[in-house]
C-alpha atoms as a PDB file:
ATOM      1  CA  ALA A   1     -40.504  -4.759 -33.524  1.00  0.00           C
ATOM      2  CA  HIS A   2     -36.996  -5.735 -34.816  1.00  0.00           C
ATOM      3  CA  SER A   3     -36.362  -2.239 -36.001  1.00  0.00           C
ATOM      4  CA  ALA A   4     -37.596  -0.807 -32.648  1.00  0.00           C
ATOM      5  CA  GLN A   5     -35.136  -2.933 -30.882  1.00  0.00           C
ATOM      6  CA  PHE A   6     -32.346  -1.705 -33.074  1.00  0.00           C
ATOM      7  CA  VAL A   7     -33.242   1.819 -32.062  1.00  0.00           C
ATOM      8  CA  GLU A   8     -33.586   1.057 -28.289  1.00  0.00           C
ATOM      9  CA  THR A   9     -30.120  -0.705 -28.342  1.00  0.00           C
ATOM     10  CA  LEU A  10     -28.471   2.252 -30.260  1.00  0.00           C
ATOM     11  CA  ASP A  11     -30.303   4.657 -27.855  1.00  0.00           C
ATOM     12  CA  ALA A  12     -28.879   2.747 -24.737  1.00  0.00           C
ATOM     13  CA  LEU A  13     -25.348   2.650 -26.251  1.00  0.00           C
ATOM     14  CA  GLU A  14     -25.434   6.465 -26.916  1.00  0.00           C
ATOM     15  CA  LYS A  15     -26.105   7.098 -23.291  1.00  0.00           C
ATOM     16  CA  LYS A  16     -23.297   4.825 -21.925  1.00  0.00           C
ATOM     17  CA  PRO A  17     -20.080   6.518 -21.087  1.00  0.00           C
ATOM     18  CA  VAL A  18     -17.759   6.089 -24.104  1.00  0.00           C
ATOM     19  CA  ASP A  19     -14.841   7.655 -25.674  1.00  0.00           C
ATOM     20  CA  GLU A  20     -15.256  10.297 -28.459  1.00  0.00           C
ATOM     21  CA  GLN A  21     -14.419   7.831 -31.180  1.00  0.00           C
ATOM     22  CA  SER A  22     -17.129   5.339 -29.967  1.00  0.00           C
ATOM     23  CA  ARG A  23     -19.682   8.342 -29.626  1.00  0.00           C
ATOM     24  CA  LYS A  24     -19.059   9.182 -33.213  1.00  0.00           C
ATOM     25  CA  ALA A  25     -19.144   5.640 -34.674  1.00  0.00           C
ATOM     26  CA  LEU A  26     -22.501   5.290 -32.928  1.00  0.00           C
ATOM     27  CA  ALA A  27     -23.739   8.518 -34.394  1.00  0.00           C
ATOM     28  CA  ASP A  28     -22.484   7.263 -37.796  1.00  0.00           C
ATOM     29  CA  VAL A  29     -24.729   4.340 -37.350  1.00  0.00           C
ATOM     30  CA  ARG A  30     -28.064   6.581 -36.927  1.00  0.00           C
ATOM     31  CA  LYS A  31     -28.560   7.467 -40.611  1.00  0.00           C
ATOM     32  CA  PRO A  32     -27.725   3.667 -42.201  1.00  0.00           C
ATOM     33  CA  LEU A  33     -30.245   2.667 -39.326  1.00  0.00           C
ATOM     34  CA  ASP A  34     -32.998   4.991 -40.189  1.00  0.00           C
ATOM     35  CA  ASP A  35     -32.471   4.418 -44.149  1.00  0.00           C
ATOM     36  CA  TYR A  36     -32.892   0.548 -43.316  1.00  0.00           C
ATOM     37  CA  ILE A  37     -36.019   0.724 -41.288  1.00  0.00           C
ATOM     38  CA  GLN A  38     -37.537   3.102 -43.838  1.00  0.00           C
ATOM     39  CA  ARG A  39     -36.520   0.421 -46.909  1.00  0.00           C
ATOM     40  CA  ALA A  40     -37.797  -2.374 -44.755  1.00  0.00           C
ATOM     41  CA  ALA A  41     -41.212  -0.587 -44.118  1.00  0.00           C
ATOM     42  CA  ARG A  42     -41.592   0.218 -47.830  1.00  0.00           C
ATOM     43  CA  VAL A  43     -40.870  -3.604 -48.919  1.00  0.00           C
ATOM     44  CA  VAL A  44     -43.301  -4.714 -46.414  1.00  0.00           C
ATOM     45  CA  GLU A  45     -46.044  -2.130 -47.521  1.00  0.00           C
ATOM     46  CA  ALA A  46     -45.360  -2.969 -51.089  1.00  0.00           C
ATOM     47  CA  ALA A  47     -45.279  -6.858 -50.541  1.00  0.00           C
ATOM     48  CA  SER A  48     -48.897  -6.857 -49.169  1.00  0.00           C
ATOM     49  CA  THR A  49     -50.232  -4.823 -52.276  1.00  0.00           C
ATOM     50  CA  ASP A  50     -47.935  -5.243 -55.163  1.00  0.00           C
ATOM     51  CA  GLU A  51     -45.196  -7.871 -55.637  1.00  0.00           C
ATOM     52  CA  LYS A  52     -43.267  -6.165 -58.456  1.00  0.00           C
ATOM     53  CA  ALA A  53     -42.907  -2.929 -56.380  1.00  0.00           C
ATOM     54  CA  ALA A  54     -41.723  -5.005 -53.510  1.00  0.00           C
ATOM     55  CA  SER A  55     -39.094  -6.670 -55.578  1.00  0.00           C
ATOM     56  CA  ALA A  56     -38.029  -3.391 -56.879  1.00  0.00           C
ATOM     57  CA  GLU A  57     -37.721  -2.002 -53.279  1.00  0.00           C
ATOM     58  CA  LEU A  58     -35.788  -5.199 -52.343  1.00  0.00           C
ATOM     59  CA  SER A  59     -32.592  -4.237 -53.944  1.00  0.00           C
ATOM     60  CA  ALA A  60     -32.580  -0.853 -52.158  1.00  0.00           C
ATOM     61  CA  PHE A  61     -33.306  -2.675 -48.900  1.00  0.00           C
ATOM     62  CA  THR A  62     -30.406  -4.941 -49.358  1.00  0.00           C
ATOM     63  CA  ALA A  63     -28.245  -2.108 -50.042  1.00  0.00           C
ATOM     64  CA  ALA A  64     -29.384  -0.328 -46.969  1.00  0.00           C
ATOM     65  CA  PHE A  65     -29.004  -3.457 -45.109  1.00  0.00           C
ATOM     66  CA  SER A  66     -25.358  -3.821 -46.144  1.00  0.00           C
ATOM     67  CA  GLN A  67     -24.551  -0.355 -45.464  1.00  0.00           C
ATOM     68  CA  LEU A  68     -25.985  -0.806 -41.955  1.00  0.00           C
ATOM     69  CA  GLU A  69     -23.910  -3.913 -41.548  1.00  0.00           C
ATOM     70  CA  GLU A  70     -20.869  -1.953 -42.394  1.00  0.00           C
ATOM     71  CA  ALA A  71     -21.625   0.853 -39.966  1.00  0.00           C
ATOM     72  CA  MET A  72     -22.369  -1.925 -37.298  1.00  0.00           C
ATOM     73  CA  GLU A  73     -19.025  -3.452 -37.911  1.00  0.00           C
ATOM     74  CA  SER A  74     -17.297  -0.300 -37.820  1.00  0.00           C
ATOM     75  CA  VAL A  75     -19.131   0.435 -34.328  1.00  0.00           C
ATOM     76  CA  SER A  76     -17.997  -3.002 -33.089  1.00  0.00           C
ATOM     77  CA  GLY A  77     -14.402  -2.465 -34.054  1.00  0.00           C
ATOM     78  CA  VAL A  78     -14.214   0.998 -32.603  1.00  0.00           C
ATOM     79  CA  MET A  79     -15.701  -0.004 -29.391  1.00  0.00           C
ATOM     80  CA  GLU A  80     -13.689  -3.170 -29.075  1.00  0.00           C
ATOM     81  CA  ARG A  81     -10.634  -1.128 -29.570  1.00  0.00           C
ATOM     82  CA  GLY A  82     -11.909   1.466 -26.892  1.00  0.00           C
ATOM     83  CA  GLU A  83     -12.488  -1.536 -24.583  1.00  0.00           C
ATOM     84  CA  GLN A  84      -8.979  -2.560 -25.373  1.00  0.00           C
ATOM     85  CA  ARG A  85      -7.578   0.881 -24.445  1.00  0.00           C
ATOM     86  CA  ILE A  86      -9.706   0.983 -21.319  1.00  0.00           C
ATOM     87  CA  ALA A  87      -8.358  -2.439 -20.463  1.00  0.00           C
ATOM     88  CA  ALA A  88      -4.735  -1.496 -20.969  1.00  0.00           C
ATOM     89  CA  GLN A  89      -5.327   1.636 -18.773  1.00  0.00           C
ATOM     90  CA  ARG A  90      -6.751  -0.197 -16.216  1.00  0.00           C
ATOM     91  CA  ALA A  91      -3.850  -2.556 -16.316  1.00  0.00           C
ATOM     92  CA  GLU A  92      -1.288   0.230 -16.085  1.00  0.00           C
ATOM     93  CA  ALA A  93      -3.449   1.739 -13.319  1.00  0.00           C
ATOM     94  CA  LEU A  94      -3.155  -1.497 -11.390  1.00  0.00           C
ATOM     95  CA  ARG A  95       0.657  -1.712 -12.123  1.00  0.00           C
ATOM     96  CA  THR A  96       0.958   1.842 -10.782  1.00  0.00           C
ATOM     97  CA  VAL A  97      -0.990   1.147  -7.569  1.00  0.00           C
ATOM     98  CA  ARG A  98       1.145  -2.114  -7.022  1.00  0.00           C
ATOM     99  CA  MET A  99       4.274  -0.144  -7.367  1.00  0.00           C
ATOM    100  CA  VAL A 100       2.977   2.470  -5.151  1.00  0.00           C
ATOM    101  CA  GLN A 101       2.050  -0.314  -2.745  1.00  0.00           C
ATOM    102  CA  PHE A 102       5.465  -2.115  -3.151  1.00  0.00           C
ATOM    103  CA  GLY A 103       7.229   1.169  -2.446  1.00  0.00           C
ATOM    104  CA  MET A 104       5.431   1.916   0.502  1.00  0.00           C
ATOM    105  CA  LEU A 105       5.789  -1.717   1.809  1.00  0.00           C
ATOM    106  CA  ALA A 106       9.675  -1.262   1.045  1.00  0.00           C
ATOM    107  CA  MET A 107       9.570   2.281   3.067  1.00  0.00           C
ATOM    108  CA  LEU A 108       7.570   0.491   5.969  1.00  0.00           C
ATOM    109  CA  VAL A 109      10.269  -2.270   6.021  1.00  0.00           C
ATOM    110  CA  ALA A 110      13.130   0.139   5.812  1.00  0.00           C
ATOM    111  CA  GLY A 111      11.520   2.359   8.810  1.00  0.00           C
ATOM    112  CA  LEU A 112      10.883  -0.650  10.891  1.00  0.00           C
ATOM    113  CA  THR A 113      14.669  -2.073  10.089  1.00  0.00           C
ATOM    114  CA  VAL A 114      15.917   1.526  11.257  1.00  0.00           C
ATOM    115  CA  LEU A 115      13.699   1.194  14.339  1.00  0.00           C
ATOM    116  CA  ALA A 116      14.801  -2.002  15.180  1.00  0.00           C
ATOM    117  CA  TRP A 117      18.435  -1.381  14.510  1.00  0.00           C
ATOM    118  CA  ARG A 118      18.242   1.622  17.003  1.00  0.00           C
ATOM    119  CA  LEU A 119      16.262  -0.162  19.576  1.00  0.00           C
ATOM    120  CA  ILE A 120      18.712  -3.122  19.475  1.00  0.00           C
ATOM    121  CA  ARG A 121      21.769  -0.605  19.697  1.00  0.00           C
ATOM    122  CA  THR A 122      20.224   0.991  22.679  1.00  0.00           C
ATOM    123  CA  LEU A 123      19.689  -2.330  24.382  1.00  0.00           C
ATOM    124  CA  MET A 124      23.118  -3.517  23.593  1.00  0.00           C
ATOM    125  CA  ARG A 125      24.768  -0.203  24.874  1.00  0.00           C
ATOM    126  CA  GLY A 126      22.822  -0.627  28.298  1.00  0.00           C
ATOM    127  CA  LEU A 127      23.924  -4.227  28.399  1.00  0.00           C
ATOM    128  CA  ARG A 128      27.508  -3.424  27.621  1.00  0.00           C
ATOM    129  CA  GLU A 129      27.371  -0.862  30.314  1.00  0.00           C
ATOM    130  CA  ALA A 130      25.799  -3.206  32.882  1.00  0.00           C
ATOM    131  CA  THR A 131      28.281  -5.955  31.902  1.00  0.00           C
ATOM    132  CA  ALA A 132      31.117  -3.690  32.418  1.00  0.00           C
ATOM    133  CA  ALA A 133      29.896  -2.501  35.896  1.00  0.00           C
ATOM    134  CA  ALA A 134      29.398  -6.063  37.123  1.00  0.00           C
ATOM    135  CA  GLU A 135      32.947  -6.961  35.847  1.00  0.00           C
ATOM    136  CA  ALA A 136      34.359  -3.899  37.555  1.00  0.00           C
ATOM    137  CA  ILE A 137      32.812  -4.939  40.793  1.00  0.00           C
ATOM    138  CA  ALA A 138      33.730  -8.597  40.428  1.00  0.00           C
ATOM    139  CA  ALA A 139      37.273  -7.298  39.956  1.00  0.00           C
ATOM    140  CA  GLY A 140      37.311  -5.270  43.096  1.00  0.00           C
ATOM    141  CA  ARG A 141      37.400  -1.936  41.227  1.00  0.00           C
ATOM    142  CA  LEU A 142      34.524  -0.080  43.247  1.00  0.00           C
ATOM    143  CA  ASP A 143      35.281   3.376  41.754  1.00  0.00           C
ATOM    144  CA  HIS A 144      33.815   2.454  38.308  1.00  0.00           C
ATOM    145  CA  ALA A 145      31.310   4.993  37.383  1.00  0.00           C
ATOM    146  CA  ILE A 146      27.896   3.485  36.903  1.00  0.00           C
ATOM    147  CA  HIS A 147      25.218   5.789  35.184  1.00  0.00           C
ATOM    148  CA  ALA A 148      21.715   4.717  35.613  1.00  0.00           C
ATOM    149  CA  GLU A 149      19.303   6.750  33.490  1.00  0.00           C
ATOM    150  CA  GLY A 150      15.728   5.817  32.530  1.00  0.00           C
ATOM    151  CA  ASN A 151      13.121   3.436  34.016  1.00  0.00           C
ATOM    152  CA  ASP A 152      13.642   0.292  31.752  1.00  0.00           C
ATOM    153  CA  GLU A 153      14.830  -2.940  33.047  1.00  0.00           C
ATOM    154  CA  ILE A 154      18.448  -2.302  32.008  1.00  0.00           C
ATOM    155  CA  ALA A 155      18.357   1.029  33.841  1.00  0.00           C
ATOM    156  CA  ARG A 156      16.854  -0.466  36.951  1.00  0.00           C
ATOM    157  CA  LEU A 157      19.617  -3.125  36.858  1.00  0.00           C
ATOM    158  CA  MET A 158      22.223  -0.313  36.654  1.00  0.00           C
ATOM    159  CA  GLN A 159      20.621   1.505  39.654  1.00  0.00           C
ATOM    160  CA  ALA A 160      20.930  -1.847  41.451  1.00  0.00           C
ATOM    161  CA  SER A 161      24.500  -2.258  40.570  1.00  0.00           C
ATOM    162  CA  ALA A 162      25.290   1.273  41.458  1.00  0.00           C
ATOM    163  CA  ARG A 163      23.619   0.695  44.977  1.00  0.00           C
ATOM    164  CA  MET A 164      25.636  -2.620  45.414  1.00  0.00           C
ATOM    165  CA  GLN A 165      28.696  -0.839  44.512  1.00  0.00           C
ATOM    166  CA  ALA A 166      28.075   1.630  47.077  1.00  0.00           C
ATOM    167  CA  ASN A 167      27.088  -0.783  49.664  1.00  0.00           C
ATOM    168  CA  LEU A 168      30.347  -2.548  49.004  1.00  0.00           C
ATOM    169  CA  ARG A 169      32.567   0.622  48.962  1.00  0.00           C
ATOM    170  CA  ALA A 170      31.019   1.322  52.483  1.00  0.00           C
ATOM    171  CA  PHE A 171      31.723  -1.970  53.751  1.00  0.00           C
ATOM    172  CA  VAL A 172      35.315  -1.801  52.555  1.00  0.00           C
ATOM    173  CA  ASP A 173      35.939   1.649  53.603  1.00  0.00           C
ATOM    174  CA  ALA A 174      34.611   1.351  57.150  1.00  0.00           C
ATOM    175  CA  PRO A 175      37.477  -0.729  58.555  1.00  0.00           C
ATOM    176  CA  LEU A 176      39.815   1.655  56.601  1.00  0.00           C
ATOM    177  CA  HIS A 177      38.273   4.549  58.034  1.00  0.00           C
ATOM    178  CA  LEU A 178      38.340   3.012  61.567  1.00  0.00           C
ATOM    179  CA  ALA A 179      41.974   2.283  61.150  1.00  0.00           C
ATOM    180  CA  SER A 180      42.818   5.966  60.050  1.00  0.00           C
ATOM    181  CA  ARG A 181      40.950   7.300  62.731  1.00  0.00           C
ATOM    182  CA  HIS A 182      42.984   4.986  65.411  1.00  0.00           C
ATOM    183  CA  ALA A 183      45.957   5.897  63.705  1.00  0.00           C
ATOM    184  CA  GLU A 184      45.150   9.680  64.179  1.00  0.00           C
ATOM    185  CA  GLY A 185      44.487   9.011  67.750  1.00  0.00           C
ATOM    186  CA  ASP A 186      40.778   9.743  67.555  1.00  0.00           C
ATOM    187  CA  ILE A 187      40.259   6.145  68.819  1.00  0.00           C
ATOM    188  CA  ASP A 188      42.334   4.607  71.402  1.00  0.00           C
ATOM    189  CA  HIS A 189      41.115   0.937  71.966  1.00  0.00           C
ATOM    190  CA  ARG A 190      41.225  -2.178  69.841  1.00  0.00           C
ATOM    191  CA  LEU A 191      38.869  -4.977  69.694  1.00  0.00           C
ATOM    192  CA  GLY A 192      40.094  -8.174  70.443  1.00  0.00           C
ATOM    193  CA  ALA A 193      40.433 -11.010  67.793  1.00  0.00           C
ATOM    194  CA  ASP A 194      38.623 -13.449  70.108  1.00  0.00           C
END
Protein backbone atom coordinates (compact mmCIF):
# COMPACT_ATOMS: atom_id res chain seq x y z
CA ALA A 1 0.00 0.00 0.00
CA HIS A 2 2.85 2.36 0.89
CA SER A 3 4.64 1.73 -2.43
CA ALA A 4 1.37 2.02 -4.39
CA GLN A 5 0.80 5.43 -2.83
CA PHE A 6 4.30 6.53 -3.93
CA VAL A 7 3.59 5.36 -7.50
CA GLU A 8 0.17 7.09 -7.59
CA THR A 9 1.68 10.33 -6.30
CA LEU A 10 4.47 10.19 -8.88
CA ASP A 11 1.96 9.45 -11.68
CA ALA A 12 -0.21 12.38 -10.55
CA LEU A 13 2.79 14.72 -10.47
CA GLU A 14 3.87 13.64 -13.96
CA LYS A 15 0.41 14.55 -15.30
CA LYS A 16 0.56 18.10 -13.93
CA PRO A 17 1.74 20.94 -16.17
CA VAL A 18 5.34 21.45 -15.06
CA ASP A 19 8.45 22.87 -16.68
CA GLU A 20 10.99 20.66 -18.45
CA GLN A 21 13.43 20.54 -15.52
CA SER A 22 10.68 19.34 -13.14
CA ARG A 23 9.50 16.75 -15.69
CA LYS A 24 13.07 15.38 -16.03
CA ALA A 25 13.52 15.29 -12.23
CA LEU A 26 10.25 13.37 -11.89
CA ALA A 27 11.38 10.89 -14.56
CA ASP A 28 14.68 10.46 -12.69
CA VAL A 29 12.74 9.34 -9.58
CA ARG A 30 11.01 6.45 -11.40
CA LYS A 31 14.04 4.07 -11.42
CA PRO A 32 15.02 4.59 -7.72
CA LEU A 33 11.33 4.19 -6.78
CA ASP A 34 10.99 0.92 -8.74
CA ASP A 35 14.27 -0.34 -7.20
CA TYR A 36 13.07 0.63 -3.68
CA ILE A 37 9.74 -1.18 -4.21
CA GLN A 38 11.49 -4.34 -5.49
CA ARG A 39 13.97 -4.33 -2.59
CA ALA A 40 11.16 -3.80 -0.07
CA ALA A 41 9.21 -6.72 -1.55
CA ARG A 42 12.31 -8.97 -1.29
CA VAL A 43 12.92 -7.99 2.33
CA VAL A 44 9.29 -8.66 3.26
CA GLU A 45 9.29 -12.01 1.39
CA ALA A 46 12.59 -13.08 2.92
CA ALA A 47 11.56 -11.97 6.42
CA SER A 48 8.65 -14.40 6.39
CA THR A 49 10.85 -17.41 5.47
CA ASP A 50 14.52 -16.70 6.18
CA GLU A 51 15.76 -14.07 8.65
CA LYS A 52 19.39 -14.24 7.42
CA ALA A 53 18.32 -13.67 3.83
CA ALA A 54 16.14 -10.77 5.00
CA SER A 55 19.12 -9.25 6.86
CA ALA A 56 21.27 -9.64 3.75
CA GLU A 57 18.61 -7.89 1.65
CA LEU A 58 18.24 -5.15 4.25
CA SER A 59 21.50 -3.38 3.31
CA ALA A 60 20.48 -3.30 -0.39
CA PHE A 61 17.02 -2.07 0.68
CA THR A 62 18.63 0.69 2.80
CA ALA A 63 20.85 1.73 -0.15
CA ALA A 64 17.78 1.81 -2.45
CA PHE A 65 15.91 3.86 0.13
CA SER A 66 18.84 6.34 0.33
CA GLN A 67 18.91 6.66 -3.48
CA LEU A 68 15.14 7.25 -3.49
CA GLU A 69 15.50 9.89 -0.76
CA GLU A 70 18.19 11.68 -2.79
CA ALA A 71 16.06 11.55 -5.93
CA MET A 72 13.01 12.87 -4.02
CA GLU A 73 15.08 15.69 -2.49
CA SER A 74 16.31 16.56 -5.98
CA VAL A 75 12.69 16.63 -7.25
CA SER A 76 11.64 18.78 -4.31
CA GLY A 77 14.44 21.25 -4.98
CA VAL A 78 13.76 21.40 -8.71
CA MET A 79 10.02 21.84 -8.18
CA GLU A 80 10.56 24.47 -5.49
CA ARG A 81 12.85 26.43 -7.80
CA GLY A 82 10.25 26.02 -10.55
CA GLU A 83 7.55 27.37 -8.24
CA GLN A 84 9.82 30.28 -7.35
CA ARG A 85 10.37 31.00 -11.06
CA ILE A 86 6.63 30.84 -11.67
CA ALA A 87 5.98 33.11 -8.70
CA ALA A 88 8.58 35.57 -10.02
CA GLN A 89 6.99 35.43 -13.49
CA ARG A 90 3.57 36.03 -11.99
CA ALA A 91 4.90 38.95 -9.97
CA GLU A 92 6.52 40.41 -13.10
CA ALA A 93 3.29 39.92 -15.06
CA LEU A 94 1.37 41.63 -12.27
CA ARG A 95 3.85 44.54 -12.30
CA THR A 96 3.43 44.79 -16.07
CA VAL A 97 -0.37 44.76 -15.76
CA ARG A 98 -0.19 47.44 -13.09
CA MET A 99 2.10 49.58 -15.24
CA VAL A 100 -0.27 49.20 -18.20
CA GLN A 101 -3.21 50.11 -15.97
CA PHE A 102 -1.31 53.11 -14.62
CA GLY A 103 -0.42 54.17 -18.16
CA MET A 104 -4.02 53.84 -19.29
CA LEU A 105 -5.20 55.79 -16.25
CA ALA A 106 -2.63 58.50 -16.95
CA MET A 107 -3.79 58.69 -20.58
CA LEU A 108 -7.41 58.88 -19.44
CA VAL A 109 -6.61 61.66 -16.98
CA ALA A 110 -4.62 63.51 -19.65
CA GLY A 111 -7.47 63.12 -22.14
CA LEU A 112 -10.04 64.34 -19.63
CA THR A 113 -7.79 67.26 -18.71
CA VAL A 114 -7.49 68.30 -22.37
CA LEU A 115 -11.24 67.91 -22.84
CA ALA A 116 -11.99 69.95 -19.72
CA TRP A 117 -9.48 72.64 -20.76
CA ARG A 118 -11.07 72.93 -24.22
CA LEU A 119 -14.57 73.04 -22.74
CA ILE A 120 -13.58 75.72 -20.22
CA ARG A 121 -11.80 77.67 -22.94
CA THR A 122 -14.91 77.55 -25.16
CA LEU A 123 -17.17 78.60 -22.26
CA MET A 124 -14.84 81.41 -21.24
CA ARG A 125 -14.62 82.72 -24.82
CA GLY A 126 -18.43 82.80 -24.99
CA LEU A 127 -18.67 84.50 -21.61
CA ARG A 128 -16.04 87.10 -22.63
CA GLU A 129 -18.00 87.85 -25.81
CA ALA A 130 -21.26 88.13 -23.85
CA THR A 131 -19.61 90.42 -21.31
CA ALA A 132 -18.12 92.60 -24.09
CA ALA A 133 -21.54 92.87 -25.77
CA ALA A 134 -23.26 93.80 -22.48
CA GLU A 135 -20.56 96.40 -21.68
CA ALA A 136 -20.82 97.89 -25.18
CA ILE A 137 -24.62 98.19 -24.88
CA ALA A 138 -24.26 99.67 -21.39
CA ALA A 139 -21.80 102.24 -22.79
CA GLY A 140 -24.25 103.17 -25.54
CA ARG A 141 -22.24 101.60 -28.37
CA LEU A 142 -25.05 99.96 -30.29
CA ASP A 143 -22.86 99.22 -33.31
CA HIS A 144 -20.82 96.53 -31.51
CA ALA A 145 -20.96 93.28 -33.50
CA ILE A 146 -22.60 90.43 -31.60
CA HIS A 147 -22.04 86.93 -32.96
CA ALA A 148 -24.52 84.33 -31.74
CA GLU A 149 -23.68 80.78 -32.88
CA GLY A 150 -24.94 77.50 -31.49
CA ASN A 151 -27.82 76.44 -29.25
CA ASP A 152 -26.24 76.46 -25.80
CA GLU A 153 -27.06 78.91 -23.04
CA ILE A 154 -24.27 81.31 -23.98
CA ALA A 155 -25.45 81.36 -27.61
CA ARG A 156 -28.99 82.05 -26.43
CA LEU A 157 -27.67 84.88 -24.22
CA MET A 158 -25.79 86.33 -27.20
CA GLN A 159 -28.93 86.07 -29.40
CA ALA A 160 -30.96 87.87 -26.72
CA SER A 161 -28.24 90.56 -26.49
CA ALA A 162 -28.29 90.99 -30.28
CA ARG A 163 -32.11 91.40 -30.23
CA MET A 164 -31.84 93.88 -27.33
CA GLN A 165 -29.15 95.82 -29.22
CA ALA A 166 -31.31 95.89 -32.38
CA ASN A 167 -34.37 97.05 -30.42
CA LEU A 168 -32.36 99.77 -28.65
CA ARG A 169 -30.83 100.87 -31.96
CA ALA A 170 -34.33 101.07 -33.50
CA PHE A 171 -35.56 103.05 -30.46
CA VAL A 172 -32.62 105.48 -30.71
CA ASP A 173 -32.72 105.70 -34.50
CA ALA A 174 -36.50 106.41 -34.72
CA PRO A 175 -36.37 110.04 -33.48
CA LEU A 176 -33.21 110.70 -35.53
CA HIS A 177 -34.93 109.31 -38.61
CA LEU A 178 -38.00 111.48 -38.00
CA ALA A 179 -35.82 114.56 -37.49
CA SER A 180 -33.95 113.80 -40.71
CA ARG A 181 -37.18 113.39 -42.66
CA HIS A 182 -38.50 116.64 -41.15
CA ALA A 183 -35.30 118.45 -42.09
CA GLU A 184 -35.64 117.16 -45.63
CA GLY A 185 -39.23 118.35 -45.76
CA ASP A 186 -40.85 114.94 -45.88
CA ILE A 187 -42.73 115.74 -42.68
CA ASP A 188 -44.10 119.26 -42.11
CA HIS A 189 -45.67 119.27 -38.69
CA ARG A 190 -44.27 119.07 -35.21
CA LEU A 191 -45.67 117.49 -32.15
CA GLY A 192 -46.17 119.71 -29.17
CA ALA A 193 -44.29 119.23 -25.98
CA ASP A 194 -47.48 119.40 -23.93
